Amino acid sequence: MLDDFFAMNTFTLTDHRSEEVIIRDDVAIHRHRGTISIKPKADTTVLQLDVIYLDVLRKNKNGDWKIYIHSVNESK
C-alpha cells in the first residue's frame, strides 16, 4: 500500500523543527513538527498539513538508534 502511495504522489516535508528529545538508557523520545505537502503526480492539487510527530527510538546491540514507534498527527 505504501509503495503505491509513494509511486502515485510527491511527498515533501518542510519547516521541520525538533522540539524535544528525552533519552533514558537505551530508549529515546523525540517530539517534532513540520508541514507535509502531498501532490498527486496525475493532478495539480496539493494537500498541505501541519503535523506533529512523536517517535520512540531504541538503541540496538550495536549501539545504533532505531525508530521503534513513529506516530504522526495533524496539528490543531
N, C-alpha and C. Protein backbone atom coordinates (compact mmCIF):
# COMPACT_ATOMS: atom_id res chain seq x y z
N MET A 1 0.83 -1.18 0.00
CA MET A 1 0.00 0.00 0.00
C MET A 1 0.88 1.26 0.00
N LEU A 2 1.91 1.30 0.85
CA LEU A 2 2.78 2.47 0.89
C LEU A 2 3.57 2.64 -0.40
N ASP A 3 3.98 1.53 -1.01
CA ASP A 3 4.69 1.63 -2.29
C ASP A 3 3.82 2.33 -3.33
N ASP A 4 2.55 1.96 -3.39
CA ASP A 4 1.62 2.60 -4.34
C ASP A 4 1.44 4.08 -4.02
N PHE A 5 1.31 4.40 -2.74
CA PHE A 5 1.13 5.80 -2.34
C PHE A 5 2.30 6.65 -2.79
N PHE A 6 3.52 6.21 -2.52
CA PHE A 6 4.69 6.99 -2.89
C PHE A 6 4.93 6.98 -4.40
N ALA A 7 4.50 5.94 -5.09
CA ALA A 7 4.63 5.91 -6.55
C ALA A 7 3.67 6.89 -7.22
N MET A 8 2.51 7.12 -6.60
CA MET A 8 1.48 7.97 -7.20
C MET A 8 1.51 9.41 -6.72
N ASN A 9 2.32 9.73 -5.70
CA ASN A 9 2.32 11.05 -5.11
C ASN A 9 3.74 11.55 -4.88
N THR A 10 3.87 12.88 -4.87
CA THR A 10 5.11 13.52 -4.47
C THR A 10 4.91 13.99 -3.04
N PHE A 11 5.83 13.64 -2.17
CA PHE A 11 5.72 13.90 -0.74
C PHE A 11 6.88 14.80 -0.32
N THR A 12 6.56 15.93 0.35
CA THR A 12 7.60 16.86 0.79
C THR A 12 7.35 17.24 2.25
N LEU A 13 8.41 17.28 3.04
CA LEU A 13 8.34 17.76 4.42
C LEU A 13 9.15 19.05 4.51
N THR A 14 8.49 20.12 4.91
CA THR A 14 9.17 21.41 5.05
C THR A 14 8.95 21.95 6.46
N ASP A 15 9.69 22.98 6.79
CA ASP A 15 9.57 23.65 8.08
C ASP A 15 9.71 22.67 9.25
N HIS A 16 10.58 21.66 9.08
CA HIS A 16 10.76 20.66 10.13
C HIS A 16 11.54 21.26 11.29
N ARG A 17 11.04 21.03 12.50
CA ARG A 17 11.75 21.51 13.68
C ARG A 17 11.58 20.51 14.83
N SER A 18 12.70 20.24 15.46
CA SER A 18 12.72 19.37 16.62
C SER A 18 12.34 20.19 17.84
N GLU A 19 11.46 19.65 18.67
CA GLU A 19 11.01 20.39 19.84
C GLU A 19 11.50 19.81 21.16
N GLU A 20 11.73 18.51 21.21
CA GLU A 20 12.16 17.91 22.47
C GLU A 20 12.73 16.52 22.22
N VAL A 21 13.81 16.21 22.92
CA VAL A 21 14.39 14.87 22.91
C VAL A 21 14.65 14.48 24.35
N ILE A 22 14.15 13.31 24.73
CA ILE A 22 14.37 12.78 26.07
C ILE A 22 15.05 11.42 25.90
N ILE A 23 16.18 11.23 26.58
CA ILE A 23 16.92 9.97 26.48
C ILE A 23 17.04 9.36 27.87
N ARG A 24 16.65 8.11 27.97
CA ARG A 24 16.79 7.33 29.21
C ARG A 24 17.35 5.97 28.84
N ASP A 25 18.58 5.74 29.21
CA ASP A 25 19.25 4.47 28.92
C ASP A 25 19.22 4.17 27.42
N ASP A 26 18.55 3.08 27.01
CA ASP A 26 18.53 2.70 25.60
C ASP A 26 17.22 3.05 24.89
N VAL A 27 16.45 4.00 25.48
CA VAL A 27 15.19 4.46 24.88
C VAL A 27 15.21 5.98 24.79
N ALA A 28 14.76 6.50 23.65
CA ALA A 28 14.68 7.95 23.46
C ALA A 28 13.30 8.32 22.91
N ILE A 29 12.84 9.49 23.28
CA ILE A 29 11.58 10.03 22.75
C ILE A 29 11.92 11.33 22.03
N HIS A 30 11.43 11.46 20.82
CA HIS A 30 11.68 12.66 20.01
C HIS A 30 10.34 13.25 19.59
N ARG A 31 10.10 14.50 19.99
CA ARG A 31 8.88 15.21 19.61
C ARG A 31 9.29 16.29 18.62
N HIS A 32 8.64 16.28 17.43
CA HIS A 32 8.99 17.25 16.40
C HIS A 32 7.76 17.57 15.55
N ARG A 33 7.87 18.59 14.69
CA ARG A 33 6.74 19.00 13.86
C ARG A 33 7.23 19.51 12.51
N GLY A 34 6.29 19.66 11.58
CA GLY A 34 6.62 20.17 10.26
C GLY A 34 5.37 20.29 9.42
N THR A 35 5.56 20.61 8.15
CA THR A 35 4.47 20.73 7.20
C THR A 35 4.66 19.69 6.11
N ILE A 36 3.65 18.85 5.90
CA ILE A 36 3.67 17.83 4.86
C ILE A 36 2.91 18.37 3.66
N SER A 37 3.51 18.25 2.49
CA SER A 37 2.82 18.56 1.23
C SER A 37 2.74 17.28 0.43
N ILE A 38 1.52 16.93 -0.01
CA ILE A 38 1.30 15.74 -0.82
C ILE A 38 0.66 16.19 -2.13
N LYS A 39 1.32 15.87 -3.24
CA LYS A 39 0.81 16.24 -4.56
C LYS A 39 0.69 14.99 -5.42
N PRO A 40 -0.53 14.64 -5.83
CA PRO A 40 -0.68 13.51 -6.74
C PRO A 40 0.06 13.81 -8.05
N LYS A 41 0.78 12.83 -8.57
CA LYS A 41 1.53 13.04 -9.82
C LYS A 41 0.60 13.26 -11.01
N ALA A 42 -0.64 12.79 -10.92
CA ALA A 42 -1.59 12.93 -12.03
C ALA A 42 -2.48 14.16 -11.88
N ASP A 43 -2.17 15.06 -10.96
CA ASP A 43 -3.05 16.19 -10.66
C ASP A 43 -2.20 17.39 -10.26
N THR A 44 -2.82 18.56 -10.18
CA THR A 44 -2.11 19.76 -9.73
C THR A 44 -2.48 20.14 -8.30
N THR A 45 -3.42 19.41 -7.72
CA THR A 45 -3.85 19.68 -6.35
C THR A 45 -2.74 19.35 -5.36
N VAL A 46 -2.54 20.22 -4.37
CA VAL A 46 -1.56 19.96 -3.33
C VAL A 46 -2.27 19.99 -1.99
N LEU A 47 -2.13 18.93 -1.24
CA LEU A 47 -2.68 18.85 0.12
C LEU A 47 -1.55 19.21 1.07
N GLN A 48 -1.81 20.19 1.94
CA GLN A 48 -0.79 20.60 2.90
C GLN A 48 -1.33 20.43 4.32
N LEU A 49 -0.54 19.80 5.16
CA LEU A 49 -0.95 19.53 6.54
C LEU A 49 0.17 19.93 7.50
N ASP A 50 -0.17 20.64 8.55
CA ASP A 50 0.77 20.88 9.64
C ASP A 50 0.64 19.69 10.58
N VAL A 51 1.76 19.03 10.84
CA VAL A 51 1.72 17.78 11.59
C VAL A 51 2.68 17.82 12.77
N ILE A 52 2.37 16.98 13.76
CA ILE A 52 3.24 16.76 14.90
C ILE A 52 3.63 15.28 14.91
N TYR A 53 4.86 15.02 15.29
CA TYR A 53 5.38 13.66 15.33
C TYR A 53 5.80 13.31 16.75
N LEU A 54 5.68 12.05 17.07
CA LEU A 54 6.23 11.51 18.30
C LEU A 54 6.90 10.19 17.93
N ASP A 55 8.21 10.14 18.11
CA ASP A 55 8.98 8.93 17.79
C ASP A 55 9.57 8.36 19.06
N VAL A 56 9.52 7.05 19.16
CA VAL A 56 10.21 6.33 20.22
C VAL A 56 11.33 5.56 19.54
N LEU A 57 12.54 5.76 20.01
CA LEU A 57 13.71 5.09 19.44
C LEU A 57 14.32 4.17 20.49
N ARG A 58 14.92 3.09 20.01
CA ARG A 58 15.61 2.16 20.90
C ARG A 58 17.01 1.92 20.35
N LYS A 59 17.96 1.79 21.25
CA LYS A 59 19.34 1.52 20.85
C LYS A 59 19.50 0.01 20.70
N ASN A 60 20.03 -0.41 19.55
CA ASN A 60 20.21 -1.85 19.34
C ASN A 60 21.54 -2.32 19.94
N LYS A 61 21.84 -3.60 19.79
CA LYS A 61 23.04 -4.16 20.42
C LYS A 61 24.33 -3.59 19.85
N ASN A 62 24.27 -2.99 18.64
CA ASN A 62 25.44 -2.34 18.04
C ASN A 62 25.59 -0.89 18.48
N GLY A 63 24.62 -0.39 19.29
CA GLY A 63 24.67 0.98 19.75
C GLY A 63 24.02 1.99 18.81
N ASP A 64 23.35 1.49 17.75
CA ASP A 64 22.68 2.38 16.80
C ASP A 64 21.24 2.64 17.26
N TRP A 65 20.80 3.89 17.12
CA TRP A 65 19.42 4.24 17.44
C TRP A 65 18.52 3.87 16.26
N LYS A 66 17.42 3.17 16.54
CA LYS A 66 16.46 2.76 15.52
C LYS A 66 15.06 3.18 15.96
N ILE A 67 14.27 3.64 14.99
CA ILE A 67 12.89 4.03 15.31
C ILE A 67 12.10 2.77 15.63
N TYR A 68 11.49 2.76 16.79
CA TYR A 68 10.67 1.65 17.27
C TYR A 68 9.20 1.94 17.02
N ILE A 69 8.79 3.18 17.29
CA ILE A 69 7.41 3.63 17.05
C ILE A 69 7.48 5.02 16.41
N HIS A 70 6.71 5.22 15.33
CA HIS A 70 6.62 6.53 14.67
C HIS A 70 5.15 6.90 14.61
N SER A 71 4.82 8.04 15.18
CA SER A 71 3.43 8.49 15.21
C SER A 71 3.35 9.89 14.62
N VAL A 72 2.36 10.11 13.76
CA VAL A 72 2.16 11.43 13.15
C VAL A 72 0.68 11.79 13.25
N ASN A 73 0.41 13.02 13.65
CA ASN A 73 -0.96 13.51 13.76
C ASN A 73 -1.03 14.92 13.23
N GLU A 74 -2.19 15.28 12.73
CA GLU A 74 -2.38 16.66 12.27
C GLU A 74 -2.36 17.59 13.48
N SER A 75 -1.66 18.70 13.35
CA SER A 75 -1.57 19.70 14.40
C SER A 75 -2.87 20.50 14.43
N LYS A 76 -3.37 20.77 15.57
CA LYS A 76 -4.62 21.56 15.70
C LYS A 76 -4.32 22.95 16.15
